[in-house]
Protein backbone atom coordinates (compact mmCIF):
# COMPACT_ATOMS: atom_id res chain seq x y z
CA UNK A 1 98.24 34.71 80.52
CA UNK A 2 95.27 34.21 78.21
CA UNK A 3 94.51 37.25 75.99
CA UNK A 4 91.19 37.60 77.49
CA UNK A 5 92.39 37.75 81.11
CA UNK A 6 92.80 41.12 82.66
CA UNK A 7 96.24 42.17 83.63
CA UNK A 8 94.88 42.91 87.19
CA UNK A 9 91.80 41.57 88.79
CA UNK A 10 91.26 42.44 92.48
CA UNK A 11 88.32 41.51 94.69
CA UNK A 12 87.54 43.10 98.03
CA UNK A 13 91.06 43.95 98.54
CA UNK A 14 91.54 45.18 102.11
CA UNK A 15 94.58 46.51 104.18
CA UNK A 16 94.37 47.42 107.78
CA UNK A 17 97.23 48.86 109.90
CA UNK A 18 95.89 48.31 113.44
CA UNK A 19 92.59 50.04 113.71
CA UNK A 20 93.14 52.05 110.64
CA UNK A 21 91.81 50.69 107.32
CA UNK A 22 94.07 52.06 104.53
CA UNK A 23 92.23 50.09 101.68
CA UNK A 24 88.64 49.06 102.15
CA UNK A 25 87.02 46.14 100.09
CA UNK A 26 88.53 47.54 96.88
CA UNK A 27 87.52 46.09 93.55
CA UNK A 28 89.69 46.69 90.60
CA UNK A 29 90.25 45.53 87.12
CA UNK A 30 92.98 46.58 84.66
CA UNK A 31 92.27 45.33 81.03
CA UNK A 32 95.32 44.15 79.14
CA UNK A 33 96.82 46.87 76.85
CA UNK A 34 95.32 49.76 78.56
CA UNK A 35 96.45 52.62 80.79
CA UNK A 36 94.36 52.66 83.96
CA UNK A 37 94.81 55.57 86.36
CA UNK A 38 94.21 55.11 90.01
CA UNK A 39 93.46 58.66 91.04
CA UNK A 40 93.08 60.30 94.42
CA UNK A 41 94.69 62.65 96.92
CA UNK A 42 97.49 62.00 99.38
CA UNK A 43 96.38 59.38 101.88
CA UNK A 44 93.61 57.96 99.56
CA UNK A 45 95.16 54.43 99.61
CA UNK A 46 96.83 54.52 96.21
CA UNK A 47 100.24 53.30 97.17
CA UNK A 48 98.87 50.76 99.60
CA UNK A 49 96.93 49.20 96.62
CA UNK A 50 100.01 49.30 94.50
CA UNK A 51 102.18 47.63 97.19
CA UNK A 52 99.72 44.69 97.73
CA UNK A 53 99.44 44.16 93.79
CA UNK A 54 103.23 44.19 93.60
CA UNK A 55 103.50 41.66 96.51
CA UNK A 56 105.38 44.17 98.73
CA UNK A 57 102.48 44.15 101.38
CA UNK A 58 100.09 41.21 102.16
CA UNK A 59 96.37 42.14 102.12
CA UNK A 60 94.49 41.81 105.36
CA UNK A 61 91.73 40.17 103.34
CA UNK A 62 90.48 39.90 99.70
CA UNK A 63 92.34 38.50 96.72
CA UNK A 64 94.07 39.74 93.53
CA UNK A 65 95.56 38.13 90.42
CA UNK A 66 98.23 40.04 88.53
CA UNK A 67 99.19 38.87 85.00
CA UNK A 68 97.30 35.66 85.79
CA UNK A 69 99.03 34.99 89.13
CA UNK A 70 97.72 35.02 92.65
CA UNK A 71 99.61 37.69 94.66
CA UNK A 72 99.89 35.40 97.71
CA UNK A 73 100.40 32.09 96.31
CA UNK A 74 102.40 32.97 93.33
CA UNK A 75 104.23 36.00 94.49
CA UNK A 76 107.55 35.25 92.58
CA UNK A 77 105.57 34.87 89.30
CA UNK A 78 103.92 38.17 89.83
CA UNK A 79 107.34 39.87 90.49
CA UNK A 80 108.74 38.33 87.19
CA UNK A 81 105.88 39.67 85.22
CA UNK A 82 105.83 43.28 86.33
CA UNK A 83 107.88 46.32 86.76
CA UNK A 84 107.30 48.85 89.57
CA UNK A 85 108.45 52.40 89.61
CA UNK A 86 107.86 53.70 93.19
CA UNK A 87 107.58 57.31 94.48
CA UNK A 88 111.28 57.43 95.17
CA UNK A 89 114.12 56.74 92.90
CA UNK A 90 115.78 53.38 93.60
CA UNK A 91 119.21 54.12 92.33
CA UNK A 92 122.66 53.92 93.60
CA UNK A 93 123.67 57.63 94.18
CA UNK A 94 127.50 57.13 93.90
CA UNK A 95 127.14 55.68 90.33
CA UNK A 96 126.53 57.65 87.28
CA UNK A 97 123.12 57.49 85.47
CA UNK A 98 124.47 55.32 82.73
CA UNK A 99 126.33 53.01 85.37
CA UNK A 100 123.04 52.58 87.11
CA UNK A 101 121.38 51.40 83.99
CA UNK A 102 124.22 49.04 83.27
CA UNK A 103 124.12 47.61 86.67
CA UNK A 104 120.29 47.04 86.43
CA UNK A 105 120.81 45.24 83.17
CA UNK A 106 123.50 43.07 84.58
CA UNK A 107 121.36 42.22 87.62
CA UNK A 108 118.53 41.16 85.19
CA UNK A 109 120.87 38.71 83.48
CA UNK A 110 122.42 40.49 80.52
CA UNK A 111 125.98 39.80 79.63
CA UNK A 112 128.38 42.83 80.01
CA UNK A 113 128.27 43.93 76.21
CA UNK A 114 124.56 43.45 76.08
CA UNK A 115 124.07 45.36 79.28
CA UNK A 116 125.99 48.40 77.79
CA UNK A 117 123.86 48.35 74.56
CA UNK A 118 120.66 48.16 76.62
CA UNK A 119 121.73 51.01 78.91
CA UNK A 120 122.86 53.26 75.90
CA UNK A 121 119.44 52.59 74.19
CA UNK A 122 117.63 53.64 77.34
CA UNK A 123 119.84 56.68 77.68
CA UNK A 124 118.69 57.78 74.35
CA UNK A 125 114.97 56.76 74.72
CA UNK A 126 114.52 58.73 77.96
CA UNK A 127 116.68 61.83 77.07
CA UNK A 128 119.32 61.02 79.61
CA UNK A 129 122.39 61.90 77.49
CA UNK A 130 123.05 65.33 79.02
CA UNK A 131 123.59 63.89 82.43
CA UNK A 132 124.46 60.21 81.63
CA UNK A 133 127.88 60.53 83.16
CA UNK A 134 127.03 62.47 86.24
CA UNK A 135 126.65 60.88 89.65
CA UNK A 136 122.98 60.40 90.46
CA UNK A 137 123.48 62.10 93.83
CA UNK A 138 124.26 65.26 91.86
CA UNK A 139 121.53 65.34 89.34
CA UNK A 140 117.97 66.84 89.81
CA UNK A 141 114.94 65.06 91.24
CA UNK A 142 113.30 65.06 87.72
CA UNK A 143 116.39 63.61 86.21
CA UNK A 144 116.56 60.83 88.77
CA UNK A 145 113.00 59.99 87.99
CA UNK A 146 113.80 59.61 84.25
CA UNK A 147 116.71 57.35 85.21
CA UNK A 148 114.61 55.23 87.61
CA UNK A 149 111.87 54.74 85.02
CA UNK A 150 114.54 53.68 82.46
CA UNK A 151 116.02 51.24 84.92
CA UNK A 152 112.57 49.73 85.49
CA UNK A 153 112.36 48.94 81.88
CA UNK A 154 115.70 47.10 81.32
CA UNK A 155 113.43 44.13 80.74
CA UNK A 156 110.10 44.77 79.09
CA UNK A 157 107.35 43.50 81.49
CA UNK A 158 103.77 42.51 80.93
CA UNK A 159 102.57 45.23 83.39
CA UNK A 160 104.28 48.43 84.36
CA UNK A 161 103.10 49.98 87.63
CA UNK A 162 104.09 53.66 88.05
CA UNK A 163 103.32 55.11 91.46
CA UNK A 164 103.08 58.77 91.08
CA UNK A 165 105.79 58.88 88.58
CA UNK A 166 105.70 62.59 87.77
CA UNK A 167 105.22 64.24 91.24
CA UNK A 168 107.51 67.09 91.56
CA UNK A 169 108.78 66.93 88.01
CA UNK A 170 109.30 69.94 85.67
CA UNK A 171 107.13 70.24 82.53
CA UNK A 172 109.84 68.73 80.27
CA UNK A 173 110.57 65.67 82.41
CA UNK A 174 106.72 65.16 82.76
CA UNK A 175 106.25 65.28 78.97
CA UNK A 176 109.22 62.59 78.59
CA UNK A 177 107.40 60.38 81.10
CA UNK A 178 104.12 60.66 79.36
CA UNK A 179 105.69 59.92 75.97
CA UNK A 180 107.39 56.80 77.42
CA UNK A 181 104.03 55.60 78.86
CA UNK A 182 102.30 56.00 75.50
CA UNK A 183 105.19 54.16 73.79
CA UNK A 184 104.96 51.27 76.12
CA UNK A 185 101.30 50.78 75.48
CA UNK A 186 101.99 50.93 71.85
CA UNK A 187 104.25 48.02 72.35
CA UNK A 188 101.61 45.97 74.10
CA UNK A 189 102.53 46.68 77.68
CA UNK A 190 99.73 47.40 80.23
CA UNK A 191 100.19 50.45 82.44
CA UNK A 192 98.78 50.99 85.96
CA UNK A 193 99.36 54.51 86.92
CA UNK A 194 98.72 56.20 90.27
CA UNK A 195 98.50 59.95 90.37
CA UNK A 196 97.35 63.00 92.22
CA UNK A 197 97.04 64.98 89.06
CA UNK A 198 93.70 65.17 87.22
CA UNK A 199 95.32 66.54 84.07
CA UNK A 200 97.63 63.52 83.95
CA UNK A 201 94.91 60.99 84.31
CA UNK A 202 92.83 62.86 81.58
CA UNK A 203 95.94 62.99 79.31
CA UNK A 204 96.97 59.31 79.54
CA UNK A 205 94.34 56.98 80.89
CA UNK A 206 91.78 54.81 79.01
CA UNK A 207 90.01 54.29 82.26
CA UNK A 208 90.14 56.12 85.59
CA UNK A 209 89.36 54.83 89.05
CA UNK A 210 88.60 57.39 91.76
CA UNK A 211 89.86 56.26 95.25
CA UNK A 212 88.97 58.17 98.41
CA UNK A 213 89.64 56.99 102.03
CA UNK A 214 90.59 53.52 100.71
CA UNK A 215 87.44 52.98 98.77
CA UNK A 216 86.68 53.11 94.97
CA UNK A 217 84.09 55.86 94.53
CA UNK A 218 83.83 55.99 90.75
CA UNK A 219 85.32 54.39 87.68
CA UNK A 220 85.01 54.81 83.95
CA UNK A 221 86.55 56.58 80.99
CA UNK A 222 87.28 60.38 81.41
CA UNK A 223 84.12 61.13 79.36
CA UNK A 224 81.97 58.80 81.23
CA UNK A 225 83.11 60.36 84.64
CA UNK A 226 82.23 63.83 83.32
CA UNK A 227 78.93 62.56 82.25
CA UNK A 228 78.04 61.55 85.76
CA UNK A 229 77.89 65.14 86.95
CA UNK A 230 75.72 66.46 84.22
CA UNK A 231 76.04 68.87 81.15
CA UNK A 232 77.79 72.24 80.72
CA UNK A 233 77.74 75.00 83.19
CA UNK A 234 77.86 78.80 83.17
CA UNK A 235 80.53 80.24 85.49
CA UNK A 236 80.25 83.83 86.72
CA UNK A 237 83.47 85.16 88.29
CA UNK A 238 83.03 88.34 90.46
CA UNK A 239 85.71 90.95 90.54
CA UNK A 240 85.74 90.92 94.43
CA UNK A 241 84.26 89.25 97.46
CA UNK A 242 81.63 91.87 97.92
CA UNK A 243 80.58 91.53 94.30
CA UNK A 244 80.41 87.76 94.84
CA UNK A 245 78.11 88.15 97.78
CA UNK A 246 75.86 90.54 95.90
CA UNK A 247 75.57 88.22 92.94
CA UNK A 248 74.70 85.32 95.33
CA UNK A 249 71.91 87.36 96.77
CA UNK A 250 70.66 88.41 93.32
CA UNK A 251 70.98 85.20 91.35
CA UNK A 252 70.30 82.71 94.19
CA UNK A 253 66.49 83.06 93.95
CA UNK A 254 66.51 82.62 90.17
CA UNK A 255 69.04 79.93 89.54
CA UNK A 256 70.28 76.76 91.23
CA UNK A 257 73.90 77.81 92.20
CA UNK A 258 77.09 76.03 93.05
CA UNK A 259 79.43 78.34 94.83
CA UNK A 260 83.19 78.46 95.05
CA UNK A 261 83.74 81.52 97.35
CA UNK A 262 87.54 81.19 97.37
CA UNK A 263 87.50 81.72 93.51
CA UNK A 264 84.70 84.28 93.66
CA UNK A 265 82.81 81.90 91.25
CA UNK A 266 79.06 81.09 90.86
CA UNK A 267 78.18 78.14 88.58
CA UNK A 268 74.71 77.58 87.07
CA UNK A 269 73.88 74.30 85.26
CA UNK A 270 73.25 74.72 81.55
CA UNK A 271 71.62 74.28 79.08
CA UNK A 272 68.37 73.59 80.87
CA UNK A 273 65.23 75.25 79.33
CA UNK A 274 65.96 79.05 80.13
CA UNK A 275 69.12 78.22 82.17
CA UNK A 276 71.52 79.02 79.33
CA UNK A 277 74.36 81.42 78.74
CA UNK A 278 72.09 84.29 77.52
CA UNK A 279 69.74 84.06 80.50
CA UNK A 280 72.56 84.12 83.07
CA UNK A 281 74.38 86.97 81.21
CA UNK A 282 71.08 89.04 81.22
CA UNK A 283 70.50 88.50 84.77
CA UNK A 284 74.09 89.40 85.61
CA UNK A 285 73.83 92.63 83.48
CA UNK A 286 70.70 93.52 85.22
CA UNK A 287 72.18 93.18 88.66
CA UNK A 288 74.60 95.86 87.86
CA UNK A 289 77.45 94.05 89.63
CA UNK A 290 80.76 94.17 87.87
CA UNK A 291 82.20 90.67 86.95
CA UNK A 292 85.53 89.46 85.59
CA UNK A 293 84.09 86.74 83.53
CA UNK A 294 80.94 84.90 82.27
CA UNK A 295 81.79 81.69 80.52
CA UNK A 296 80.04 78.46 79.38
CA UNK A 297 82.21 75.53 80.33
CA UNK A 298 82.16 71.77 80.00
CA UNK A 299 82.46 69.78 83.19
CA UNK A 300 86.01 68.74 84.02
CA UNK A 301 87.32 65.77 85.92
CA UNK A 302 88.11 68.35 88.72
CA UNK A 303 84.31 68.79 88.98
CA UNK A 304 83.82 65.07 88.84
CA UNK A 305 86.16 64.50 91.77
CA UNK A 306 84.34 67.11 93.87
CA UNK A 307 80.97 65.78 93.03
CA UNK A 308 81.81 62.10 93.75
CA UNK A 309 83.98 62.53 96.76
CA UNK A 310 82.83 65.75 98.26
CA UNK A 311 86.44 66.84 98.71
CA UNK A 312 87.48 69.97 96.52
CA UNK A 313 90.75 69.55 94.85
CA UNK A 314 91.95 72.87 96.26
CA UNK A 315 91.78 71.31 99.62
CA UNK A 316 94.58 68.83 98.83
CA UNK A 317 97.31 71.68 98.94
CA UNK A 318 96.66 72.20 95.19
CA UNK A 319 98.07 68.80 94.35
CA UNK A 320 95.01 67.54 92.53
CA UNK A 321 94.94 69.38 89.15
CA UNK A 322 92.33 69.45 86.35
CA UNK A 323 91.62 64.35 88.12
CA UNK A 324 92.45 56.60 92.17
């Protein structure tokens, strides 16, 4: 693939299941050597996009090229160029973690001795040693995910597609996956990551694409997405629901407020002339209402997601943390 060509280029990619449109005219570019996060809640269309790009599902309409190959006309070439780690570990439960890695290496064409060397290197790289000789069916979900990721990298691909790789993982396992992703990019591999976690996208991605109801609603670097919703804000957190309501009545006529009743929080854009931390603090003090906190904060990707989709992340069963 020419160095100037993107790893993924999709145009008006659409997938319908009967009357339901899962992905709707989705345009998508993944530059080579980048980590691009496709970010959105459950049901947004992330996995359907991935399945189309990986040639597992044919699009209803639209087109895409992956690693320079058309996903419909050159499906075999696409599969040879990529590695896909899905949401569920694709492992043989009655083999040990190490045996699974050896098996995968053998299936990818390694001779027996070479397959063992590759498996042992992956065991060390992904911190699998403590459970390498345990049957996969007896290890934890986080441990299975680490083995599954290692198995997908028996041969280094041009593009690694990780479909929600850290969902349900403990903090240590998540850090192992994050470290592995950074290492892959350092080796020249391109990474397409789907995630529900704002924190994960912010931590890893060079570019983020927000997807909601099958459509791309925004894209850019984390900093660019924050910039779309303005500057800093002042958050005022009431101590109780009654205090929150009193602050709304008192500050509402003076400041443009954004309200989060479930968090007992009022937000004021700042700085903007007198709408700064001092002015808000003075108004709160004058109200006589006790508050838990008054703080100046920068906009987060959480704010960006809410502003761009109209869907608060808390509405997604708390699965979208501070995020196509």
